[in-house]
């Protein structure tokens, strides 16, 4: 005998470990702008609401993918950066569980005075944002359309987006 004591190994039972709902599907969710742009010292933040409109809980994690239209003017093209900005700071991605009727959110940030040599008005005004969420693949299209108005030229063709967060409003800085 080596004099080693026996080691007891315990395995958690199914009853003791929390059950994580499956990843959300496209048709379980709806996306909308919570309200128009809010400002803080030249930085603009737009909160987006994600609602679970189904009768089943589901989970979501990561970053939304945004396609902005229109998103080009002359030689400038919109870029969406992950991480957040001044109004909605960076939040590490984490699993968000959406109960039926529950909600999640993300924020979009941009500077409103980075490039004022381009025009204010129709050539540089965003009208639609198409949001893709990290959901299970289904037979439905994967984009949610929202209407937003802001001058992407003044934002110097760049916006930052936060990770998906629990609750109706993204964390504010």
C-alpha atoms as a PDB file:
ATOM      1  CA  UNK A   1       0.000   0.000   0.000  1.00  0.00           C
ATOM      2  CA  UNK A   2       1.232   3.449  -0.892  1.00  0.00           C
ATOM      3  CA  UNK A   3      -0.721   5.188   1.822  1.00  0.00           C
ATOM      4  CA  UNK A   4      -2.949   7.131  -0.614  1.00  0.00           C
ATOM      5  CA  UNK A   5      -6.439   7.984   0.543  1.00  0.00           C
ATOM      6  CA  UNK A   6      -9.330   7.091  -1.757  1.00  0.00           C
ATOM      7  CA  UNK A   7     -10.686  10.011  -3.806  1.00  0.00           C
ATOM      8  CA  UNK A   8     -14.415  10.483  -4.066  1.00  0.00           C
ATOM      9  CA  UNK A   9     -15.529  11.807  -7.455  1.00  0.00           C
ATOM     10  CA  UNK A  10     -19.019  13.247  -7.704  1.00  0.00           C
ATOM     11  CA  UNK A  11     -20.846  13.853 -10.954  1.00  0.00           C
ATOM     12  CA  UNK A  12     -23.645  16.438 -10.890  1.00  0.00           C
ATOM     13  CA  UNK A  13     -27.043  14.954 -11.566  1.00  0.00           C
ATOM     14  CA  UNK A  14     -29.317  16.263 -14.280  1.00  0.00           C
ATOM     15  CA  UNK A  15     -31.523  17.768 -11.567  1.00  0.00           C
ATOM     16  CA  UNK A  16     -28.671  19.839 -10.109  1.00  0.00           C
ATOM     17  CA  UNK A  17     -27.328  21.327 -13.345  1.00  0.00           C
ATOM     18  CA  UNK A  18     -29.317  24.172 -14.922  1.00  0.00           C
ATOM     19  CA  UNK A  19     -30.905  23.395 -18.270  1.00  0.00           C
ATOM     20  CA  UNK A  20     -29.932  25.867 -20.966  1.00  0.00           C
ATOM     21  CA  UNK A  21     -32.684  26.423 -23.525  1.00  0.00           C
ATOM     22  CA  UNK A  22     -31.816  25.749 -27.172  1.00  0.00           C
ATOM     23  CA  UNK A  23     -30.508  28.530 -29.387  1.00  0.00           C
ATOM     24  CA  UNK A  24     -33.258  30.875 -30.566  1.00  0.00           C
ATOM     25  CA  UNK A  25     -34.706  30.511 -34.040  1.00  0.00           C
ATOM     26  CA  UNK A  26     -35.421  33.385 -36.381  1.00  0.00           C
ATOM     27  CA  UNK A  27     -39.195  33.175 -35.957  1.00  0.00           C
ATOM     28  CA  UNK A  28     -38.998  33.313 -32.132  1.00  0.00           C
ATOM     29  CA  UNK A  29     -37.585  36.847 -32.130  1.00  0.00           C
ATOM     30  CA  UNK A  30     -38.454  40.367 -33.212  1.00  0.00           C
ATOM     31  CA  UNK A  31     -36.010  43.291 -33.370  1.00  0.00           C
ATOM     32  CA  UNK A  32     -36.829  46.999 -33.124  1.00  0.00           C
ATOM     33  CA  UNK A  33     -35.170  50.297 -32.295  1.00  0.00           C
ATOM     34  CA  UNK A  34     -36.025  51.027 -28.648  1.00  0.00           C
ATOM     35  CA  UNK A  35     -35.943  54.794 -29.306  1.00  0.00           C
ATOM     36  CA  UNK A  36     -34.183  57.271 -31.587  1.00  0.00           C
ATOM     37  CA  UNK A  37     -30.609  58.409 -31.147  1.00  0.00           C
ATOM     38  CA  UNK A  38     -29.575  59.670 -27.715  1.00  0.00           C
ATOM     39  CA  UNK A  39     -26.550  61.943 -27.458  1.00  0.00           C
ATOM     40  CA  UNK A  40     -23.683  62.460 -25.028  1.00  0.00           C
ATOM     41  CA  UNK A  41     -20.961  64.996 -25.950  1.00  0.00           C
ATOM     42  CA  UNK A  42     -21.010  64.297 -29.701  1.00  0.00           C
ATOM     43  CA  UNK A  43     -21.425  60.544 -29.258  1.00  0.00           C
ATOM     44  CA  UNK A  44     -24.710  59.014 -30.288  1.00  0.00           C
ATOM     45  CA  UNK A  45     -26.234  55.776 -29.029  1.00  0.00           C
ATOM     46  CA  UNK A  46     -29.170  53.862 -30.453  1.00  0.00           C
ATOM     47  CA  UNK A  47     -30.564  50.973 -28.357  1.00  0.00           C
ATOM     48  CA  UNK A  48     -32.092  47.968 -30.114  1.00  0.00           C
ATOM     49  CA  UNK A  49     -34.621  45.669 -28.438  1.00  0.00           C
ATOM     50  CA  UNK A  50     -34.842  41.933 -29.149  1.00  0.00           C
ATOM     51  CA  UNK A  51     -38.105  40.352 -27.964  1.00  0.00           C
ATOM     52  CA  UNK A  52     -38.922  36.649 -27.624  1.00  0.00           C
ATOM     53  CA  UNK A  53     -42.409  36.494 -29.144  1.00  0.00           C
ATOM     54  CA  UNK A  54     -42.711  32.713 -28.873  1.00  0.00           C
ATOM     55  CA  UNK A  55     -44.062  30.429 -26.146  1.00  0.00           C
ATOM     56  CA  UNK A  56     -40.667  28.769 -25.614  1.00  0.00           C
ATOM     57  CA  UNK A  57     -37.516  29.918 -23.869  1.00  0.00           C
ATOM     58  CA  UNK A  58     -34.410  30.160 -26.013  1.00  0.00           C
ATOM     59  CA  UNK A  59     -30.837  31.408 -25.757  1.00  0.00           C
ATOM     60  CA  UNK A  60     -28.638  33.711 -27.789  1.00  0.00           C
ATOM     61  CA  UNK A  61     -25.002  34.777 -27.529  1.00  0.00           C
ATOM     62  CA  UNK A  62     -22.498  36.900 -29.423  1.00  0.00           C
ATOM     63  CA  UNK A  63     -22.810  39.974 -31.610  1.00  0.00           C
ATOM     64  CA  UNK A  64     -25.438  41.066 -34.084  1.00  0.00           C
ATOM     65  CA  UNK A  65     -24.317  41.553 -37.672  1.00  0.00           C
ATOM     66  CA  UNK A  66     -25.529  44.817 -39.203  1.00  0.00           C
ATOM     67  CA  UNK A  67     -25.998  45.797 -42.823  1.00  0.00           C
ATOM     68  CA  UNK A  68     -26.670  49.514 -43.197  1.00  0.00           C
ATOM     69  CA  UNK A  69     -28.573  50.898 -46.201  1.00  0.00           C
ATOM     70  CA  UNK A  70     -27.673  53.112 -47.777  1.00  0.00           C
ATOM     71  CA  UNK A  71     -24.135  52.742 -46.504  1.00  0.00           C
ATOM     72  CA  UNK A  72     -21.945  54.291 -49.192  1.00  0.00           C
ATOM     73  CA  UNK A  73     -21.282  57.786 -50.442  1.00  0.00           C
ATOM     74  CA  UNK A  74     -18.634  58.620 -53.037  1.00  0.00           C
ATOM     75  CA  UNK A  75     -15.637  56.510 -51.920  1.00  0.00           C
ATOM     76  CA  UNK A  76     -16.790  55.992 -48.314  1.00  0.00           C
ATOM     77  CA  UNK A  77     -18.379  52.723 -47.154  1.00  0.00           C
ATOM     78  CA  UNK A  78     -19.867  52.018 -43.731  1.00  0.00           C
ATOM     79  CA  UNK A  79     -17.928  49.806 -41.316  1.00  0.00           C
ATOM     80  CA  UNK A  80     -19.445  48.147 -38.267  1.00  0.00           C
ATOM     81  CA  UNK A  81     -16.974  47.473 -35.450  1.00  0.00           C
ATOM     82  CA  UNK A  82     -17.666  45.043 -32.616  1.00  0.00           C
ATOM     83  CA  UNK A  83     -17.169  46.238 -29.061  1.00  0.00           C
ATOM     84  CA  UNK A  84     -19.236  49.314 -28.271  1.00  0.00           C
ATOM     85  CA  UNK A  85     -18.322  52.934 -27.766  1.00  0.00           C
ATOM     86  CA  UNK A  86     -18.989  55.895 -25.505  1.00  0.00           C
ATOM     87  CA  UNK A  87     -22.731  55.626 -24.854  1.00  0.00           C
ATOM     88  CA  UNK A  88     -22.862  51.810 -24.854  1.00  0.00           C
ATOM     89  CA  UNK A  89     -19.499  50.454 -23.650  1.00  0.00           C
ATOM     90  CA  UNK A  90     -17.992  47.115 -24.582  1.00  0.00           C
ATOM     91  CA  UNK A  91     -19.559  44.144 -22.790  1.00  0.00           C
ATOM     92  CA  UNK A  92     -18.024  40.675 -23.053  1.00  0.00           C
ATOM     93  CA  UNK A  93     -20.378  38.334 -24.946  1.00  0.00           C
ATOM     94  CA  UNK A  94     -22.270  35.980 -22.651  1.00  0.00           C
ATOM     95  CA  UNK A  95     -25.172  33.608 -22.943  1.00  0.00           C
ATOM     96  CA  UNK A  96     -28.548  35.361 -22.705  1.00  0.00           C
ATOM     97  CA  UNK A  97     -31.618  33.274 -21.900  1.00  0.00           C
ATOM     98  CA  UNK A  98     -34.875  34.719 -23.217  1.00  0.00           C
ATOM     99  CA  UNK A  99     -38.009  33.454 -21.503  1.00  0.00           C
ATOM    100  CA  UNK A 100     -41.305  33.733 -23.412  1.00  0.00           C
ATOM    101  CA  UNK A 101     -42.099  37.452 -23.549  1.00  0.00           C
ATOM    102  CA  UNK A 102     -38.554  38.272 -22.362  1.00  0.00           C
ATOM    103  CA  UNK A 103     -36.118  40.590 -24.037  1.00  0.00           C
ATOM    104  CA  UNK A 104     -32.492  41.280 -24.794  1.00  0.00           C
ATOM    105  CA  UNK A 105     -30.746  44.243 -26.373  1.00  0.00           C
ATOM    106  CA  UNK A 106     -27.661  45.646 -28.035  1.00  0.00           C
ATOM    107  CA  UNK A 107     -26.415  49.150 -28.639  1.00  0.00           C
ATOM    108  CA  UNK A 108     -25.048  51.007 -31.654  1.00  0.00           C
ATOM    109  CA  UNK A 109     -22.613  53.917 -31.076  1.00  0.00           C
ATOM    110  CA  UNK A 110     -21.133  56.515 -33.388  1.00  0.00           C
ATOM    111  CA  UNK A 111     -19.566  59.966 -33.299  1.00  0.00           C
ATOM    112  CA  UNK A 112     -21.732  62.644 -34.882  1.00  0.00           C
ATOM    113  CA  UNK A 113     -19.031  65.151 -35.766  1.00  0.00           C
ATOM    114  CA  UNK A 114     -16.173  63.076 -37.161  1.00  0.00           C
ATOM    115  CA  UNK A 115     -16.587  64.111 -40.812  1.00  0.00           C
ATOM    116  CA  UNK A 116     -18.679  67.185 -41.566  1.00  0.00           C
ATOM    117  CA  UNK A 117     -17.305  67.957 -45.021  1.00  0.00           C
ATOM    118  CA  UNK A 118     -19.807  65.583 -46.659  1.00  0.00           C
ATOM    119  CA  UNK A 119     -23.427  66.704 -46.982  1.00  0.00           C
ATOM    120  CA  UNK A 120     -26.150  66.496 -44.414  1.00  0.00           C
ATOM    121  CA  UNK A 121     -29.212  65.024 -46.047  1.00  0.00           C
ATOM    122  CA  UNK A 122     -30.350  62.292 -48.411  1.00  0.00           C
ATOM    123  CA  UNK A 123     -26.974  61.174 -49.854  1.00  0.00           C
ATOM    124  CA  UNK A 124     -25.666  60.305 -46.380  1.00  0.00           C
ATOM    125  CA  UNK A 125     -28.789  59.352 -44.443  1.00  0.00           C
ATOM    126  CA  UNK A 126     -29.194  55.780 -43.200  1.00  0.00           C
ATOM    127  CA  UNK A 127     -32.743  54.618 -43.674  1.00  0.00           C
ATOM    128  CA  UNK A 128     -32.637  50.903 -42.862  1.00  0.00           C
ATOM    129  CA  UNK A 129     -30.521  48.604 -40.762  1.00  0.00           C
ATOM    130  CA  UNK A 130     -30.739  44.884 -41.460  1.00  0.00           C
ATOM    131  CA  UNK A 131     -29.899  42.914 -38.324  1.00  0.00           C
ATOM    132  CA  UNK A 132     -28.685  39.308 -38.427  1.00  0.00           C
ATOM    133  CA  UNK A 133     -28.606  37.508 -35.081  1.00  0.00           C
ATOM    134  CA  UNK A 134     -26.731  34.324 -34.153  1.00  0.00           C
ATOM    135  CA  UNK A 135     -29.827  32.104 -34.331  1.00  0.00           C
ATOM    136  CA  UNK A 136     -30.421  28.531 -35.484  1.00  0.00           C
ATOM    137  CA  UNK A 137     -30.644  28.186 -39.237  1.00  0.00           C
ATOM    138  CA  UNK A 138     -34.191  27.792 -40.476  1.00  0.00           C
ATOM    139  CA  UNK A 139     -36.179  28.109 -43.666  1.00  0.00           C
ATOM    140  CA  UNK A 140     -36.865  31.790 -42.974  1.00  0.00           C
ATOM    141  CA  UNK A 141     -34.607  34.701 -43.940  1.00  0.00           C
ATOM    142  CA  UNK A 142     -32.141  35.619 -41.212  1.00  0.00           C
ATOM    143  CA  UNK A 143     -32.469  39.429 -41.319  1.00  0.00           C
ATOM    144  CA  UNK A 144     -34.653  41.717 -39.233  1.00  0.00           C
ATOM    145  CA  UNK A 145     -35.267  45.169 -40.728  1.00  0.00           C
ATOM    146  CA  UNK A 146     -35.433  48.346 -38.654  1.00  0.00           C
ATOM    147  CA  UNK A 147     -35.837  51.976 -39.674  1.00  0.00           C
ATOM    148  CA  UNK A 148     -33.196  54.388 -38.372  1.00  0.00           C
ATOM    149  CA  UNK A 149     -32.187  57.860 -39.505  1.00  0.00           C
ATOM    150  CA  UNK A 150     -28.670  59.166 -38.960  1.00  0.00           C
ATOM    151  CA  UNK A 151     -25.982  60.770 -41.088  1.00  0.00           C
ATOM    152  CA  UNK A 152     -23.355  58.100 -41.753  1.00  0.00           C
ATOM    153  CA  UNK A 153     -21.028  60.640 -43.416  1.00  0.00           C
ATOM    154  CA  UNK A 154     -20.923  62.654 -40.172  1.00  0.00           C
ATOM    155  CA  UNK A 155     -20.186  59.386 -38.352  1.00  0.00           C
ATOM    156  CA  UNK A 156     -17.130  59.086 -40.628  1.00  0.00           C
ATOM    157  CA  UNK A 157     -18.575  55.856 -42.095  1.00  0.00           C
ATOM    158  CA  UNK A 158     -18.083  53.932 -38.845  1.00  0.00           C
ATOM    159  CA  UNK A 159     -20.346  52.635 -36.070  1.00  0.00           C
ATOM    160  CA  UNK A 160     -19.653  50.319 -33.126  1.00  0.00           C
ATOM    161  CA  UNK A 161     -22.039  47.614 -31.925  1.00  0.00           C
ATOM    162  CA  UNK A 162     -22.155  45.932 -28.503  1.00  0.00           C
ATOM    163  CA  UNK A 163     -22.617  42.255 -27.805  1.00  0.00           C
ATOM    164  CA  UNK A 164     -26.098  40.928 -27.105  1.00  0.00           C
ATOM    165  CA  UNK A 165     -27.157  41.629 -23.513  1.00  0.00           C
ATOM    166  CA  UNK A 166     -29.943  40.543 -21.184  1.00  0.00           C
ATOM    167  CA  UNK A 167     -32.752  43.017 -20.594  1.00  0.00           C
ATOM    168  CA  UNK A 168     -34.559  45.685 -22.595  1.00  0.00           C
ATOM    169  CA  UNK A 169     -31.685  48.191 -22.670  1.00  0.00           C
ATOM    170  CA  UNK A 170     -27.955  47.771 -23.257  1.00  0.00           C
ATOM    171  CA  UNK A 171     -25.571  48.806 -20.501  1.00  0.00           C
ATOM    172  CA  UNK A 172     -24.819  52.530 -20.668  1.00  0.00           C
ATOM    173  CA  UNK A 173     -21.404  54.028 -19.990  1.00  0.00           C
END
